[in-house]
């Protein structure tokens, strides 16, 4: 299937590793030109990997998505390089694990900046350009916890639902203006972030990594975690013109783990 991404411009945040990198690579494999950002020193190495594998142009901008000035600079440099932004992939690292009483109000504030306000700032910076063009596609990466909370992840459970509410509201506002807005909500997909969470569980439960992987996939009908390659292909499709009638949707990327009927 041709996803219709040839010569589209996609901005992908927190893309030096994990899900962000997978999204950027999959979009480039379909012919999109890519702008990626991260705080990590891995940013240039990731860009070189994508260039070598796909032959597509990749712009790199060092940016912290919790800093509005960094986001503004990122968007300005992307527009300078490519003259447009067709696709925005909103991605950020997850907030730390913890229960309510184990976390401080300061940690809540930091998580709000990372998970919610990064999406707010990115949309403020990008949406005006999409409105001027009369088209665009926004996809935010959240978590299947928006359907069922995950133990010991109260920050993620709470704030990702706020982002989904924002996306669904923006879908109503921006759909008539030619801009699609969706989210993708992965369950356990083997990335550095998931490895961190699994290690945390092994300490708390005095268990092994394999035992913890078995526990989190026990209720997954497909019997395993997702792969970053599967995630990349899915988000590339969702962001692309091939999914032109998918709008205001929270797509569950979970192997059937979510049992809610709606």
C-alpha atoms as a PDB file:
ATOM      1  CA  UNK A   1       0.000   0.000   0.000  1.00  0.00           C
ATOM      2  CA  UNK A   2       1.212   3.485  -0.882  1.00  0.00           C
ATOM      3  CA  UNK A   3       0.604   5.613   2.217  1.00  0.00           C
ATOM      4  CA  UNK A   4       0.900   8.842   0.235  1.00  0.00           C
ATOM      5  CA  UNK A   5       3.806  10.134   2.321  1.00  0.00           C
ATOM      6  CA  UNK A   6       6.273  10.887  -0.474  1.00  0.00           C
ATOM      7  CA  UNK A   7       7.659  14.422   0.057  1.00  0.00           C
ATOM      8  CA  UNK A   8       5.480  15.023   3.103  1.00  0.00           C
ATOM      9  CA  UNK A   9       7.257  16.737   6.009  1.00  0.00           C
ATOM     10  CA  UNK A  10       6.983  15.071   9.393  1.00  0.00           C
ATOM     11  CA  UNK A  11       8.146  16.545  12.691  1.00  0.00           C
ATOM     12  CA  UNK A  12       8.776  13.846  15.304  1.00  0.00           C
ATOM     13  CA  UNK A  13       9.749  14.750  18.860  1.00  0.00           C
ATOM     14  CA  UNK A  14      11.853  12.760  21.329  1.00  0.00           C
ATOM     15  CA  UNK A  15      13.034  10.723  18.361  1.00  0.00           C
ATOM     16  CA  UNK A  16      16.584   9.697  19.230  1.00  0.00           C
ATOM     17  CA  UNK A  17      15.462   6.302  20.506  1.00  0.00           C
ATOM     18  CA  UNK A  18      12.470   4.110  21.301  1.00  0.00           C
ATOM     19  CA  UNK A  19       9.043   4.873  19.887  1.00  0.00           C
ATOM     20  CA  UNK A  20      10.016   8.281  18.532  1.00  0.00           C
ATOM     21  CA  UNK A  21      12.878   6.801  16.541  1.00  0.00           C
ATOM     22  CA  UNK A  22      10.611   4.027  15.257  1.00  0.00           C
ATOM     23  CA  UNK A  23       8.048   6.592  14.088  1.00  0.00           C
ATOM     24  CA  UNK A  24      10.647   8.736  12.332  1.00  0.00           C
ATOM     25  CA  UNK A  25      12.218   5.730  10.604  1.00  0.00           C
ATOM     26  CA  UNK A  26       8.889   4.342   9.395  1.00  0.00           C
ATOM     27  CA  UNK A  27       7.804   7.728   8.027  1.00  0.00           C
ATOM     28  CA  UNK A  28      11.118   8.140   6.215  1.00  0.00           C
ATOM     29  CA  UNK A  29      10.820   4.624   4.781  1.00  0.00           C
ATOM     30  CA  UNK A  30       7.574   5.795   3.178  1.00  0.00           C
ATOM     31  CA  UNK A  31       9.277   8.790   1.590  1.00  0.00           C
ATOM     32  CA  UNK A  32       8.635  11.549   4.105  1.00  0.00           C
ATOM     33  CA  UNK A  33      11.214  14.189   4.913  1.00  0.00           C
ATOM     34  CA  UNK A  34      11.881  14.212   8.622  1.00  0.00           C
ATOM     35  CA  UNK A  35      12.652  16.710  11.366  1.00  0.00           C
ATOM     36  CA  UNK A  36      13.583  15.121  14.680  1.00  0.00           C
ATOM     37  CA  UNK A  37      14.513  16.454  18.085  1.00  0.00           C
ATOM     38  CA  UNK A  38      15.793  15.115  21.379  1.00  0.00           C
ATOM     39  CA  UNK A  39      17.968  16.087  24.333  1.00  0.00           C
ATOM     40  CA  UNK A  40      20.075  12.968  23.916  1.00  0.00           C
ATOM     41  CA  UNK A  41      23.506  12.745  22.331  1.00  0.00           C
ATOM     42  CA  UNK A  42      22.052   9.879  20.273  1.00  0.00           C
ATOM     43  CA  UNK A  43      20.196  12.373  18.058  1.00  0.00           C
ATOM     44  CA  UNK A  44      22.809  12.680  15.292  1.00  0.00           C
ATOM     45  CA  UNK A  45      23.529   8.959  15.323  1.00  0.00           C
ATOM     46  CA  UNK A  46      19.817   8.237  14.883  1.00  0.00           C
ATOM     47  CA  UNK A  47      19.577  10.730  12.022  1.00  0.00           C
ATOM     48  CA  UNK A  48      22.542   9.091  10.288  1.00  0.00           C
ATOM     49  CA  UNK A  49      20.906   5.668  10.647  1.00  0.00           C
ATOM     50  CA  UNK A  50      17.672   6.934   9.086  1.00  0.00           C
ATOM     51  CA  UNK A  51      19.530   8.638   6.238  1.00  0.00           C
ATOM     52  CA  UNK A  52      21.560   5.517   5.455  1.00  0.00           C
ATOM     53  CA  UNK A  53      18.549   3.219   5.544  1.00  0.00           C
ATOM     54  CA  UNK A  54      16.064   5.400   3.647  1.00  0.00           C
ATOM     55  CA  UNK A  55      18.010   7.990   1.666  1.00  0.00           C
ATOM     56  CA  UNK A  56      15.629  10.654   2.953  1.00  0.00           C
ATOM     57  CA  UNK A  57      16.514  14.077   4.317  1.00  0.00           C
ATOM     58  CA  UNK A  58      16.612  14.316   8.117  1.00  0.00           C
ATOM     59  CA  UNK A  59      16.885  17.593  10.039  1.00  0.00           C
ATOM     60  CA  UNK A  60      18.091  17.397  13.632  1.00  0.00           C
ATOM     61  CA  UNK A  61      17.401  20.022  16.294  1.00  0.00           C
ATOM     62  CA  UNK A  62      18.492  19.651  19.907  1.00  0.00           C
ATOM     63  CA  UNK A  63      15.412  20.430  21.991  1.00  0.00           C
ATOM     64  CA  UNK A  64      13.799  19.774  25.354  1.00  0.00           C
ATOM     65  CA  UNK A  65      10.031  19.524  24.818  1.00  0.00           C
ATOM     66  CA  UNK A  66       9.348  20.867  28.315  1.00  0.00           C
ATOM     67  CA  UNK A  67      10.855  24.218  27.228  1.00  0.00           C
ATOM     68  CA  UNK A  68       8.541  26.405  25.101  1.00  0.00           C
ATOM     69  CA  UNK A  69      11.496  28.307  23.623  1.00  0.00           C
ATOM     70  CA  UNK A  70      13.075  25.045  22.457  1.00  0.00           C
ATOM     71  CA  UNK A  71       9.830  24.006  20.784  1.00  0.00           C
ATOM     72  CA  UNK A  72       9.501  27.346  19.022  1.00  0.00           C
ATOM     73  CA  UNK A  73      13.068  27.060  17.747  1.00  0.00           C
ATOM     74  CA  UNK A  74      12.427  23.488  16.589  1.00  0.00           C
ATOM     75  CA  UNK A  75       9.365  24.481  14.586  1.00  0.00           C
ATOM     76  CA  UNK A  76      11.018  27.570  13.128  1.00  0.00           C
ATOM     77  CA  UNK A  77      14.033  25.573  11.939  1.00  0.00           C
ATOM     78  CA  UNK A  78      11.766  22.910  10.425  1.00  0.00           C
ATOM     79  CA  UNK A  79       9.811  25.550   8.506  1.00  0.00           C
ATOM     80  CA  UNK A  80      13.042  27.209   7.356  1.00  0.00           C
ATOM     81  CA  UNK A  81      14.352  23.870   6.075  1.00  0.00           C
ATOM     82  CA  UNK A  82      11.219  22.411   4.504  1.00  0.00           C
ATOM     83  CA  UNK A  83       8.784  25.358   4.176  1.00  0.00           C
ATOM     84  CA  UNK A  84       5.947  23.340   5.728  1.00  0.00           C
ATOM     85  CA  UNK A  85       4.940  20.750   8.339  1.00  0.00           C
ATOM     86  CA  UNK A  86       2.417  18.174   7.134  1.00  0.00           C
ATOM     87  CA  UNK A  87       2.629  15.785  10.095  1.00  0.00           C
ATOM     88  CA  UNK A  88       3.297  16.320  13.780  1.00  0.00           C
ATOM     89  CA  UNK A  89       4.117  13.290  15.910  1.00  0.00           C
ATOM     90  CA  UNK A  90       3.860  14.333  19.559  1.00  0.00           C
ATOM     91  CA  UNK A  91       6.091  12.087  21.624  1.00  0.00           C
ATOM     92  CA  UNK A  92       7.883  12.480  24.948  1.00  0.00           C
ATOM     93  CA  UNK A  93       9.520  10.268  27.516  1.00  0.00           C
ATOM     94  CA  UNK A  94       7.234   8.935  30.214  1.00  0.00           C
ATOM     95  CA  UNK A  95       7.102  10.336  33.748  1.00  0.00           C
ATOM     96  CA  UNK A  96       8.700   8.267  36.511  1.00  0.00           C
ATOM     97  CA  UNK A  97       6.886   5.371  38.189  1.00  0.00           C
ATOM     98  CA  UNK A  98       5.422   5.727  41.651  1.00  0.00           C
ATOM     99  CA  UNK A  99       2.318   5.563  43.813  1.00  0.00           C
ATOM    100  CA  UNK A 100       0.408   8.656  44.931  1.00  0.00           C
ATOM    101  CA  UNK A 101       1.987   8.920  48.377  1.00  0.00           C
ATOM    102  CA  UNK A 102       5.477   8.125  47.112  1.00  0.00           C
ATOM    103  CA  UNK A 103       5.481  11.110  44.746  1.00  0.00           C
ATOM    104  CA  UNK A 104       5.822  14.796  45.588  1.00  0.00           C
ATOM    105  CA  UNK A 105       3.844  17.760  44.232  1.00  0.00           C
ATOM    106  CA  UNK A 106       7.052  18.864  42.501  1.00  0.00           C
ATOM    107  CA  UNK A 107       7.174  15.554  40.639  1.00  0.00           C
ATOM    108  CA  UNK A 108       3.564  16.095  39.554  1.00  0.00           C
ATOM    109  CA  UNK A 109       4.480  19.534  38.184  1.00  0.00           C
ATOM    110  CA  UNK A 110       7.417  18.122  36.262  1.00  0.00           C
ATOM    111  CA  UNK A 111       5.207  15.373  34.837  1.00  0.00           C
ATOM    112  CA  UNK A 112       2.611  17.923  33.743  1.00  0.00           C
ATOM    113  CA  UNK A 113       5.309  19.798  31.821  1.00  0.00           C
ATOM    114  CA  UNK A 114       6.631  16.612  30.230  1.00  0.00           C
ATOM    115  CA  UNK A 115       3.401  14.854  29.306  1.00  0.00           C
ATOM    116  CA  UNK A 116       0.704  17.512  28.940  1.00  0.00           C
ATOM    117  CA  UNK A 117       2.336  20.883  28.374  1.00  0.00           C
ATOM    118  CA  UNK A 118       4.789  19.548  25.787  1.00  0.00           C
ATOM    119  CA  UNK A 119       1.777  18.570  23.665  1.00  0.00           C
ATOM    120  CA  UNK A 120       0.166  21.956  24.299  1.00  0.00           C
ATOM    121  CA  UNK A 121       3.283  23.902  23.274  1.00  0.00           C
ATOM    122  CA  UNK A 122       3.895  21.758  20.200  1.00  0.00           C
ATOM    123  CA  UNK A 123       0.354  22.241  18.953  1.00  0.00           C
ATOM    124  CA  UNK A 124       0.479  25.994  19.573  1.00  0.00           C
ATOM    125  CA  UNK A 125       3.658  26.161  17.497  1.00  0.00           C
ATOM    126  CA  UNK A 126       2.618  23.857  14.625  1.00  0.00           C
ATOM    127  CA  UNK A 127      -1.139  24.251  14.178  1.00  0.00           C
ATOM    128  CA  UNK A 128      -0.979  27.807  12.743  1.00  0.00           C
ATOM    129  CA  UNK A 129       1.225  26.505   9.907  1.00  0.00           C
ATOM    130  CA  UNK A 130      -1.212  23.678   9.224  1.00  0.00           C
ATOM    131  CA  UNK A 131      -4.133  26.109   9.242  1.00  0.00           C
ATOM    132  CA  UNK A 132      -2.339  28.271   6.695  1.00  0.00           C
ATOM    133  CA  UNK A 133      -1.847  25.215   4.486  1.00  0.00           C
ATOM    134  CA  UNK A 134      -5.413  24.013   5.024  1.00  0.00           C
ATOM    135  CA  UNK A 135      -4.273  20.495   5.898  1.00  0.00           C
ATOM    136  CA  UNK A 136      -2.262  18.487   8.375  1.00  0.00           C
ATOM    137  CA  UNK A 137      -2.136  15.424  10.587  1.00  0.00           C
ATOM    138  CA  UNK A 138      -1.356  15.339  14.307  1.00  0.00           C
ATOM    139  CA  UNK A 139      -0.761  12.078  16.157  1.00  0.00           C
ATOM    140  CA  UNK A 140       0.150  11.932  19.820  1.00  0.00           C
ATOM    141  CA  UNK A 141       1.708   8.872  21.427  1.00  0.00           C
ATOM    142  CA  UNK A 142       0.184   8.107  24.815  1.00  0.00           C
ATOM    143  CA  UNK A 143      -0.523   4.719  26.450  1.00  0.00           C
ATOM    144  CA  UNK A 144      -3.139   2.017  26.764  1.00  0.00           C
ATOM    145  CA  UNK A 145      -3.414   3.219  30.362  1.00  0.00           C
ATOM    146  CA  UNK A 146      -5.963   5.734  29.044  1.00  0.00           C
ATOM    147  CA  UNK A 147      -8.349   2.754  29.013  1.00  0.00           C
ATOM    148  CA  UNK A 148      -7.174   0.942  32.141  1.00  0.00           C
ATOM    149  CA  UNK A 149      -4.664   2.293  34.698  1.00  0.00           C
ATOM    150  CA  UNK A 150      -1.335   0.569  35.218  1.00  0.00           C
ATOM    151  CA  UNK A 151      -0.192  -0.080  38.765  1.00  0.00           C
ATOM    152  CA  UNK A 152       2.554   2.212  40.071  1.00  0.00           C
ATOM    153  CA  UNK A 153       2.216   4.643  37.151  1.00  0.00           C
ATOM    154  CA  UNK A 154      -0.173   7.216  38.592  1.00  0.00           C
ATOM    155  CA  UNK A 155       1.510  10.157  36.850  1.00  0.00           C
ATOM    156  CA  UNK A 156       1.242   8.539  33.429  1.00  0.00           C
ATOM    157  CA  UNK A 157      -2.263   7.204  34.116  1.00  0.00           C
ATOM    158  CA  UNK A 158      -3.530  10.664  35.039  1.00  0.00           C
ATOM    159  CA  UNK A 159      -1.813  12.966  32.575  1.00  0.00           C
ATOM    160  CA  UNK A 160      -2.121  10.862  29.441  1.00  0.00           C
ATOM    161  CA  UNK A 161      -5.900  10.995  29.839  1.00  0.00           C
ATOM    162  CA  UNK A 162      -5.617  14.790  29.882  1.00  0.00           C
ATOM    163  CA  UNK A 163      -3.755  14.706  26.565  1.00  0.00           C
ATOM    164  CA  UNK A 164      -6.419  12.453  25.046  1.00  0.00           C
ATOM    165  CA  UNK A 165      -9.115  14.908  26.157  1.00  0.00           C
ATOM    166  CA  UNK A 166      -7.177  17.711  24.520  1.00  0.00           C
ATOM    167  CA  UNK A 167      -6.749  15.728  21.277  1.00  0.00           C
ATOM    168  CA  UNK A 168     -10.417  14.822  21.049  1.00  0.00           C
ATOM    169  CA  UNK A 169     -11.405  18.444  21.635  1.00  0.00           C
ATOM    170  CA  UNK A 170      -8.932  19.647  19.021  1.00  0.00           C
ATOM    171  CA  UNK A 171     -10.308  17.061  16.594  1.00  0.00           C
ATOM    172  CA  UNK A 172     -13.694  18.768  16.811  1.00  0.00           C
ATOM    173  CA  UNK A 173     -12.135  22.188  16.284  1.00  0.00           C
ATOM    174  CA  UNK A 174      -9.608  21.385  13.575  1.00  0.00           C
ATOM    175  CA  UNK A 175     -11.353  18.694  11.525  1.00  0.00           C
ATOM    176  CA  UNK A 176     -13.496  21.216   9.618  1.00  0.00           C
ATOM    177  CA  UNK A 177     -10.281  23.067   8.762  1.00  0.00           C
ATOM    178  CA  UNK A 178      -8.605  20.067   7.157  1.00  0.00           C
ATOM    179  CA  UNK A 179      -6.442  18.904  10.060  1.00  0.00           C
ATOM    180  CA  UNK A 180      -6.770  15.349  11.367  1.00  0.00           C
ATOM    181  CA  UNK A 181      -6.030  14.684  15.052  1.00  0.00           C
ATOM    182  CA  UNK A 182      -5.552  11.219  16.539  1.00  0.00           C
ATOM    183  CA  UNK A 183      -3.647   9.346  19.216  1.00  0.00           C
ATOM    184  CA  UNK A 184      -1.919   5.977  19.352  1.00  0.00           C
ATOM    185  CA  UNK A 185      -1.901   4.211  22.688  1.00  0.00           C
ATOM    186  CA  UNK A 186       0.683   1.443  22.943  1.00  0.00           C
ATOM    187  CA  UNK A 187       0.715  -1.270  25.552  1.00  0.00           C
ATOM    188  CA  UNK A 188       4.011  -2.897  26.492  1.00  0.00           C
ATOM    189  CA  UNK A 189       6.373  -2.373  23.563  1.00  0.00           C
ATOM    190  CA  UNK A 190      10.011  -3.263  24.150  1.00  0.00           C
ATOM    191  CA  UNK A 191      11.892   0.055  24.336  1.00  0.00           C
ATOM    192  CA  UNK A 192      14.407   1.629  26.723  1.00  0.00           C
ATOM    193  CA  UNK A 193      11.475   3.124  28.653  1.00  0.00           C
ATOM    194  CA  UNK A 194       9.805  -0.261  29.089  1.00  0.00           C
ATOM    195  CA  UNK A 195      13.108  -1.792  30.116  1.00  0.00           C
ATOM    196  CA  UNK A 196      13.350   0.888  32.833  1.00  0.00           C
ATOM    197  CA  UNK A 197       9.862   0.050  34.068  1.00  0.00           C
ATOM    198  CA  UNK A 198      10.581  -3.679  34.021  1.00  0.00           C
ATOM    199  CA  UNK A 199      13.767  -3.143  36.033  1.00  0.00           C
ATOM    200  CA  UNK A 200      11.776  -1.113  38.559  1.00  0.00           C
ATOM    201  CA  UNK A 201       9.345  -4.008  38.892  1.00  0.00           C
ATOM    202  CA  UNK A 202      12.111  -6.548  39.411  1.00  0.00           C
ATOM    203  CA  UNK A 203      13.390  -4.491  42.346  1.00  0.00           C
ATOM    204  CA  UNK A 204       9.966  -4.011  43.896  1.00  0.00           C
ATOM    205  CA  UNK A 205       8.866  -7.595  43.381  1.00  0.00           C
ATOM    206  CA  UNK A 206      12.266  -9.271  43.907  1.00  0.00           C
ATOM    207  CA  UNK A 207      11.799 -11.031  40.603  1.00  0.00           C
ATOM    208  CA  UNK A 208      13.579 -11.521  37.286  1.00  0.00           C
ATOM    209  CA  UNK A 209      13.155  -9.617  34.038  1.00  0.00           C
ATOM    210  CA  UNK A 210      11.637 -12.643  32.310  1.00  0.00           C
ATOM    211  CA  UNK A 211       9.111 -13.084  35.139  1.00  0.00           C
ATOM    212  CA  UNK A 212       8.031  -9.463  34.811  1.00  0.00           C
ATOM    213  CA  UNK A 213       7.727  -9.696  31.036  1.00  0.00           C
ATOM    214  CA  UNK A 214       5.539 -12.749  31.496  1.00  0.00           C
ATOM    215  CA  UNK A 215       3.309 -10.940  33.968  1.00  0.00           C
ATOM    216  CA  UNK A 216       2.634  -7.915  31.786  1.00  0.00           C
ATOM    217  CA  UNK A 217       1.864 -10.048  28.725  1.00  0.00           C
ATOM    218  CA  UNK A 218      -0.229 -12.660  30.550  1.00  0.00           C
ATOM    219  CA  UNK A 219      -3.505 -10.946  29.573  1.00  0.00           C
ATOM    220  CA  UNK A 220      -2.411 -10.062  26.036  1.00  0.00           C
ATOM    221  CA  UNK A 221      -4.240 -12.396  23.643  1.00  0.00           C
ATOM    222  CA  UNK A 222      -1.304 -12.282  21.220  1.00  0.00           C
ATOM    223  CA  UNK A 223       0.920 -13.427  24.087  1.00  0.00           C
ATOM    224  CA  UNK A 224       3.778 -10.960  23.663  1.00  0.00           C
ATOM    225  CA  UNK A 225       4.867  -7.342  23.671  1.00  0.00           C
ATOM    226  CA  UNK A 226       4.679  -5.259  20.524  1.00  0.00           C
ATOM    227  CA  UNK A 227       7.820  -4.413  18.592  1.00  0.00           C
ATOM    228  CA  UNK A 228       9.052  -0.957  17.695  1.00  0.00           C
ATOM    229  CA  UNK A 229       8.851  -1.926  14.012  1.00  0.00           C
ATOM    230  CA  UNK A 230       5.152  -2.770  14.365  1.00  0.00           C
ATOM    231  CA  UNK A 231       4.559   0.490  16.191  1.00  0.00           C
ATOM    232  CA  UNK A 232       6.399   2.492  13.527  1.00  0.00           C
ATOM    233  CA  UNK A 233       4.351   1.023  10.690  1.00  0.00           C
ATOM    234  CA  UNK A 234       1.121   1.654  12.601  1.00  0.00           C
ATOM    235  CA  UNK A 235       1.774   5.286  13.453  1.00  0.00           C
ATOM    236  CA  UNK A 236       3.023   6.000   9.921  1.00  0.00           C
ATOM    237  CA  UNK A 237      -0.269   4.697   8.551  1.00  0.00           C
ATOM    238  CA  UNK A 238      -2.344   6.626  11.103  1.00  0.00           C
ATOM    239  CA  UNK A 239      -0.536   9.876  10.301  1.00  0.00           C
ATOM    240  CA  UNK A 240      -0.711   9.352   6.534  1.00  0.00           C
ATOM    241  CA  UNK A 241      -3.264  10.234   3.848  1.00  0.00           C
ATOM    242  CA  UNK A 242      -4.048   6.496   3.662  1.00  0.00           C
ATOM    243  CA  UNK A 243      -5.952   6.977   6.948  1.00  0.00           C
ATOM    244  CA  UNK A 244      -7.748  10.071   5.661  1.00  0.00           C
ATOM    245  CA  UNK A 245     -11.102   9.251   7.327  1.00  0.00           C
ATOM    246  CA  UNK A 246      -9.616   8.314  10.723  1.00  0.00           C
ATOM    247  CA  UNK A 247     -10.112  11.333  12.953  1.00  0.00           C
ATOM    248  CA  UNK A 248     -10.545  11.991  16.677  1.00  0.00           C
ATOM    249  CA  UNK A 249      -9.579   8.378  17.324  1.00  0.00           C
ATOM    250  CA  UNK A 250      -7.572   6.831  20.152  1.00  0.00           C
ATOM    251  CA  UNK A 251      -6.026   3.794  18.461  1.00  0.00           C
ATOM    252  CA  UNK A 252      -5.089   0.999  20.862  1.00  0.00           C
ATOM    253  CA  UNK A 253      -1.780  -0.618  19.923  1.00  0.00           C
ATOM    254  CA  UNK A 254      -2.001  -3.378  22.513  1.00  0.00           C
ATOM    255  CA  UNK A 255      -2.345  -6.855  21.022  1.00  0.00           C
ATOM    256  CA  UNK A 256      -5.862  -7.069  22.443  1.00  0.00           C
ATOM    257  CA  UNK A 257      -4.824  -6.298  26.036  1.00  0.00           C
ATOM    258  CA  UNK A 258      -7.562  -3.726  26.549  1.00  0.00           C
ATOM    259  CA  UNK A 259     -10.791  -5.557  27.246  1.00  0.00           C
ATOM    260  CA  UNK A 260     -13.149  -2.557  27.315  1.00  0.00           C
ATOM    261  CA  UNK A 261     -15.837  -2.865  24.652  1.00  0.00           C
ATOM    262  CA  UNK A 262     -15.569   0.803  23.619  1.00  0.00           C
END
